[in-house]
C-alpha atoms as a PDB file:
ATOM      1  CA  MET A   1     113.145 112.526 107.994  1.00  0.00           C
ATOM      2  CA  GLN A   2     111.556 111.510 104.740  1.00  0.00           C
ATOM      3  CA  ILE A   3     110.112 108.421 103.140  1.00  0.00           C
ATOM      4  CA  MET A   4     111.512 107.817  99.748  1.00  0.00           C
ATOM      5  CA  ASN A   5     111.848 105.195  96.987  1.00  0.00           C
ATOM      6  CA  LEU A   6     115.201 103.565  97.370  1.00  0.00           C
ATOM      7  CA  GLY A   7     117.605 102.823  94.675  1.00  0.00           C
ATOM      8  CA  ARG A   8     120.677 100.546  94.491  1.00  0.00           C
ATOM      9  CA  GLU A   9     122.779 103.322  96.129  1.00  0.00           C
ATOM     10  CA  TYR A  10     121.236 102.236  99.488  1.00  0.00           C
ATOM     11  CA  ALA A  11     122.179  98.536  98.992  1.00  0.00           C
ATOM     12  CA  LYS A  12     124.961  98.521 101.498  1.00  0.00           C
ATOM     13  CA  ASP A  13     122.880 100.303 104.171  1.00  0.00           C
ATOM     14  CA  MET A  14     119.923  98.014 103.608  1.00  0.00           C
ATOM     15  CA  LEU A  15     122.253  95.036 103.767  1.00  0.00           C
ATOM     16  CA  ALA A  16     123.630  96.166 107.098  1.00  0.00           C
ATOM     17  CA  ILE A  17     120.077  96.598 108.599  1.00  0.00           C
ATOM     18  CA  TYR A  18     119.033  93.162 107.126  1.00  0.00           C
ATOM     19  CA  ASN A  19     122.082  91.274 108.375  1.00  0.00           C
ATOM     20  CA  GLU A  20     121.793  92.624 111.845  1.00  0.00           C
ATOM     21  CA  ALA A  21     118.160  91.432 111.867  1.00  0.00           C
ATOM     22  CA  VAL A  22     119.247  88.004 110.678  1.00  0.00           C
ATOM     23  CA  LEU A  23     121.861  87.687 113.429  1.00  0.00           C
ATOM     24  CA  ASN A  24     119.920  89.114 116.306  1.00  0.00           C
ATOM     25  CA  THR A  25     116.195  88.865 115.711  1.00  0.00           C
ATOM     26  CA  THR A  26     113.462  86.651 114.249  1.00  0.00           C
ATOM     27  CA  ALA A  27     112.267  89.402 111.958  1.00  0.00           C
ATOM     28  CA  SER A  28     113.822  87.187 109.236  1.00  0.00           C
ATOM     29  CA  PHE A  29     113.961  83.393 109.371  1.00  0.00           C
ATOM     30  CA  ASP A  30     117.145  83.663 107.321  1.00  0.00           C
ATOM     31  CA  LEU A  31     120.075  82.026 109.138  1.00  0.00           C
ATOM     32  CA  GLN A  32     123.019  83.481 107.377  1.00  0.00           C
ATOM     33  CA  CYS A  33     124.082  86.945 106.519  1.00  0.00           C
ATOM     34  CA  ARG A  34     123.851  88.001 102.930  1.00  0.00           C
ATOM     35  CA  ASP A  35     126.175  89.909 100.586  1.00  0.00           C
ATOM     36  CA  LEU A  36     125.850  92.592  97.929  1.00  0.00           C
ATOM     37  CA  GLU A  37     125.255  89.976  95.156  1.00  0.00           C
ATOM     38  CA  TYR A  38     122.091  88.991  97.271  1.00  0.00           C
ATOM     39  CA  MET A  39     121.102  92.784  97.347  1.00  0.00           C
ATOM     40  CA  ASN A  40     121.647  93.096  93.584  1.00  0.00           C
ATOM     41  CA  ASP A  41     119.279  90.181  93.068  1.00  0.00           C
ATOM     42  CA  TYR A  42     116.815  91.642  95.533  1.00  0.00           C
ATOM     43  CA  PHE A  43     116.748  94.924  93.574  1.00  0.00           C
ATOM     44  CA  SER A  44     116.404  93.087  90.291  1.00  0.00           C
ATOM     45  CA  ASP A  45     113.509  91.059  91.586  1.00  0.00           C
ATOM     46  CA  LYS A  46     111.732  94.107  92.834  1.00  0.00           C
ATOM     47  CA  GLU A  47     112.315  96.015  89.622  1.00  0.00           C
ATOM     48  CA  ALA A  48     111.104  93.054  87.526  1.00  0.00           C
ATOM     49  CA  GLY A  49     107.835  92.861  89.458  1.00  0.00           C
ATOM     50  CA  ASN A  50     107.334  96.667  89.796  1.00  0.00           C
ATOM     51  CA  PHE A  51     107.434  96.333  93.562  1.00  0.00           C
ATOM     52  CA  PRO A  52     108.316  99.343  95.639  1.00  0.00           C
ATOM     53  CA  ILE A  53     111.285  99.565  98.016  1.00  0.00           C
ATOM     54  CA  LEU A  54     110.656 102.405 100.504  1.00  0.00           C
ATOM     55  CA  GLY A  55     113.046 103.725 103.039  1.00  0.00           C
ATOM     56  CA  ILE A  56     112.987 106.360 105.815  1.00  0.00           C
ATOM     57  CA  VAL A  57     116.120 108.510 105.394  1.00  0.00           C
ATOM     58  CA  GLU A  58     117.238 111.271 107.825  1.00  0.00           C
ATOM     59  CA  GLU A  59     120.258 113.411 106.861  1.00  0.00           C
ATOM     60  CA  GLY A  60     121.446 110.784 104.442  1.00  0.00           C
ATOM     61  CA  THR A  61     121.161 107.929 106.871  1.00  0.00           C
ATOM     62  CA  LEU A  62     118.842 105.006 106.238  1.00  0.00           C
ATOM     63  CA  LEU A  63     116.725 104.287 109.310  1.00  0.00           C
ATOM     64  CA  GLY A  64     114.703 101.494 107.939  1.00  0.00           C
ATOM     65  CA  TYR A  65     113.123 100.013 104.773  1.00  0.00           C
ATOM     66  CA  ALA A  66     110.172  98.072 103.554  1.00  0.00           C
ATOM     67  CA  SER A  67     108.828  96.392 100.448  1.00  0.00           C
ATOM     68  CA  TYR A  68     106.426  93.863  99.229  1.00  0.00           C
ATOM     69  CA  GLY A  69     106.856  91.069  96.710  1.00  0.00           C
ATOM     70  CA  THR A  70     105.349  88.000  95.318  1.00  0.00           C
ATOM     71  CA  PHE A  71     103.387  85.943  97.926  1.00  0.00           C
ATOM     72  CA  ARG A  72     103.508  82.674  95.946  1.00  0.00           C
ATOM     73  CA  PRO A  73     104.777  82.055  92.349  1.00  0.00           C
ATOM     74  CA  ARG A  74     101.447  80.603  90.945  1.00  0.00           C
ATOM     75  CA  ALA A  75      99.364  82.920  88.809  1.00  0.00           C
ATOM     76  CA  ALA A  76      96.267  82.739  91.014  1.00  0.00           C
ATOM     77  CA  TYR A  77      98.187  84.709  93.601  1.00  0.00           C
ATOM     78  CA  LYS A  78      99.231  87.579  91.304  1.00  0.00           C
ATOM     79  CA  ARG A  79      96.905  90.107  93.159  1.00  0.00           C
ATOM     80  CA  THR A  80      98.449  89.193  96.607  1.00  0.00           C
ATOM     81  CA  VAL A  81     101.713  90.519  97.970  1.00  0.00           C
ATOM     82  CA  GLU A  82     103.775  89.731 101.051  1.00  0.00           C
ATOM     83  CA  VAL A  83     105.223  92.607 103.136  1.00  0.00           C
ATOM     84  CA  SER A  84     108.600  92.879 104.677  1.00  0.00           C
ATOM     85  CA  ILE A  85     109.862  95.622 107.024  1.00  0.00           C
ATOM     86  CA  TYR A  86     113.342  96.097 108.553  1.00  0.00           C
ATOM     87  CA  ILE A  87     114.226  98.881 110.912  1.00  0.00           C
ATOM     88  CA  HIS A  88     117.761  99.783 112.070  1.00  0.00           C
ATOM     89  CA  LYS A  89     118.368  98.446 115.615  1.00  0.00           C
ATOM     90  CA  ASP A  90     118.792 101.936 117.074  1.00  0.00           C
ATOM     91  CA  GLN A  91     115.539 103.120 115.548  1.00  0.00           C
ATOM     92  CA  ARG A  92     113.102 100.439 116.591  1.00  0.00           C
ATOM     93  CA  GLY A  93     110.134 101.381 118.701  1.00  0.00           C
ATOM     94  CA  LYS A  94     109.833 104.882 117.206  1.00  0.00           C
ATOM     95  CA  GLY A  95     106.851 104.242 114.914  1.00  0.00           C
ATOM     96  CA  LEU A  96     109.050 103.914 111.680  1.00  0.00           C
ATOM     97  CA  GLY A  97     107.585 100.563 110.838  1.00  0.00           C
ATOM     98  CA  GLN A  98     103.999 101.849 111.033  1.00  0.00           C
ATOM     99  CA  MET A  99     105.054 104.835 108.808  1.00  0.00           C
ATOM    100  CA  LEU A 100     106.540 102.528 106.171  1.00  0.00           C
ATOM    101  CA  LEU A 101     103.618 100.075 106.354  1.00  0.00           C
ATOM    102  CA  SER A 102     101.029 102.780 105.751  1.00  0.00           C
ATOM    103  CA  GLN A 103     102.984 103.943 102.695  1.00  0.00           C
ATOM    104  CA  LEU A 104     103.231 100.271 101.371  1.00  0.00           C
ATOM    105  CA  ILE A 105      99.460  99.870 101.808  1.00  0.00           C
ATOM    106  CA  ALA A 106      98.959 103.109  99.720  1.00  0.00           C
ATOM    107  CA  LYS A 107     101.237 101.758  97.033  1.00  0.00           C
ATOM    108  CA  ALA A 108      99.436  98.319  96.985  1.00  0.00           C
ATOM    109  CA  VAL A 109      96.126 100.070  96.587  1.00  0.00           C
ATOM    110  CA  GLU A 110      97.513 102.271  93.826  1.00  0.00           C
ATOM    111  CA  GLN A 111      98.887  99.161  91.997  1.00  0.00           C
ATOM    112  CA  GLN A 112      95.488  97.454  92.508  1.00  0.00           C
ATOM    113  CA  TYR A 113      96.583  94.598  94.678  1.00  0.00           C
ATOM    114  CA  HIS A 114      93.632  92.893  96.503  1.00  0.00           C
ATOM    115  CA  CYS A 115      95.549  91.288  99.546  1.00  0.00           C
ATOM    116  CA  MET A 116      98.577  91.943 101.594  1.00  0.00           C
ATOM    117  CA  VAL A 117     100.021  89.211 103.741  1.00  0.00           C
ATOM    118  CA  ALA A 118     102.515  89.392 106.578  1.00  0.00           C
ATOM    119  CA  ALA A 119     104.390  86.319 108.050  1.00  0.00           C
ATOM    120  CA  ILE A 120     105.613  87.142 111.531  1.00  0.00           C
ATOM    121  CA  ASP A 121     107.413  85.271 114.254  1.00  0.00           C
ATOM    122  CA  ALA A 122     104.776  84.648 116.997  1.00  0.00           C
ATOM    123  CA  GLN A 123     107.046  86.155 119.612  1.00  0.00           C
ATOM    124  CA  ASN A 124     107.454  89.491 117.604  1.00  0.00           C
ATOM    125  CA  LYS A 125     104.616  91.190 119.498  1.00  0.00           C
ATOM    126  CA  ILE A 126     105.664  94.618 118.241  1.00  0.00           C
ATOM    127  CA  SER A 127     105.371  93.635 114.607  1.00  0.00           C
ATOM    128  CA  ILE A 128     102.056  91.915 115.197  1.00  0.00           C
ATOM    129  CA  TYR A 129     100.814  95.082 116.816  1.00  0.00           C
ATOM    130  CA  VAL A 130     102.065  97.343 114.038  1.00  0.00           C
ATOM    131  CA  HIS A 131     100.200  95.255 111.513  1.00  0.00           C
ATOM    132  CA  GLN A 132      97.032  95.054 113.614  1.00  0.00           C
ATOM    133  CA  LYS A 133      97.081  98.863 113.978  1.00  0.00           C
ATOM    134  CA  ALA A 134      97.312  99.116 110.217  1.00  0.00           C
ATOM    135  CA  GLY A 135      94.222  97.003 109.811  1.00  0.00           C
ATOM    136  CA  PHE A 136      95.742  93.532 109.259  1.00  0.00           C
ATOM    137  CA  SER A 137      93.905  90.636 110.801  1.00  0.00           C
ATOM    138  CA  LEU A 138      95.158  87.381 112.205  1.00  0.00           C
ATOM    139  CA  CYS A 139      94.672  84.449 109.818  1.00  0.00           C
ATOM    140  CA  GLY A 140      96.325  81.652 111.761  1.00  0.00           C
ATOM    141  CA  VAL A 141      99.547  80.331 113.339  1.00  0.00           C
ATOM    142  CA  VAL A 142     101.814  77.639 111.873  1.00  0.00           C
ATOM    143  CA  LYS A 143     103.289  75.918 114.793  1.00  0.00           C
ATOM    144  CA  GLU A 144     107.046  75.228 115.038  1.00  0.00           C
ATOM    145  CA  VAL A 145     107.619  75.929 111.289  1.00  0.00           C
ATOM    146  CA  GLY A 146     110.984  77.548 111.728  1.00  0.00           C
ATOM    147  CA  TYR A 147     114.077  76.742 113.739  1.00  0.00           C
ATOM    148  CA  LYS A 148     116.252  79.625 114.832  1.00  0.00           C
ATOM    149  CA  PHE A 149     118.211  80.526 117.958  1.00  0.00           C
ATOM    150  CA  ASP A 150     118.031  76.884 119.198  1.00  0.00           C
ATOM    151  CA  SER A 151     114.220  76.708 119.316  1.00  0.00           C
ATOM    152  CA  TYR A 152     111.230  75.980 117.016  1.00  0.00           C
ATOM    153  CA  ARG A 153     109.462  79.168 115.964  1.00  0.00           C
ATOM    154  CA  ASP A 154     105.761  79.627 115.350  1.00  0.00           C
ATOM    155  CA  LEU A 155     104.801  81.740 112.381  1.00  0.00           C
ATOM    156  CA  VAL A 156     101.759  84.140 112.520  1.00  0.00           C
ATOM    157  CA  PHE A 157     100.048  84.827 109.222  1.00  0.00           C
ATOM    158  CA  MET A 158      98.096  88.238 108.975  1.00  0.00           C
ATOM    159  CA  GLN A 159      96.352  89.727 106.036  1.00  0.00           C
ATOM    160  CA  LEU A 160      94.833  92.973 104.798  1.00  0.00           C
ATOM    161  CA  LEU A 161      92.155  93.004 102.179  1.00  0.00           C
ATOM    162  CA  LEU A 162      92.507  96.133 100.004  1.00  0.00           C
ATOM    163  CA  PRO A 163      89.736  98.185  98.346  1.00  0.00           C
ATOM    164  CA  THR A 164      89.964  97.384  94.669  1.00  0.00           C
ATOM    165  CA  SER A 165      88.030  98.629  91.760  1.00  0.00           C
END
């Protein structure tokens, strides 16, 4: 098992992991599955912003991936990034999210970001725990901000302030 930078050759595998999360979890508040054109745009956006896309690969199989990207489009937020992590359904609960998050934090420090933000469904206790374990702190909860699976969803905001020079 290794953590590596992912290229476009992993787009189909990433898409399968993402679409499963869309259909069956609240890891994404997306309501529809995406296609390869979406993934092409995803890679283009990450490349344009110099944002990493990390994956855990074992014997050629993608087990999960993570990245960060623009938090908000205004210039004042340029030193803040928002984290996203998606793990294959058969690999959840094995510590892979924590492994990816720790590598993302290291990359963000290396790129001299000041703040990392995570927006997590309030019922996703595992993701909240993973972020807390990595040093993220709770900033607040936005009540009933999303609607998925026939119910309103609360969104937890967490942040990690990074050491910067």
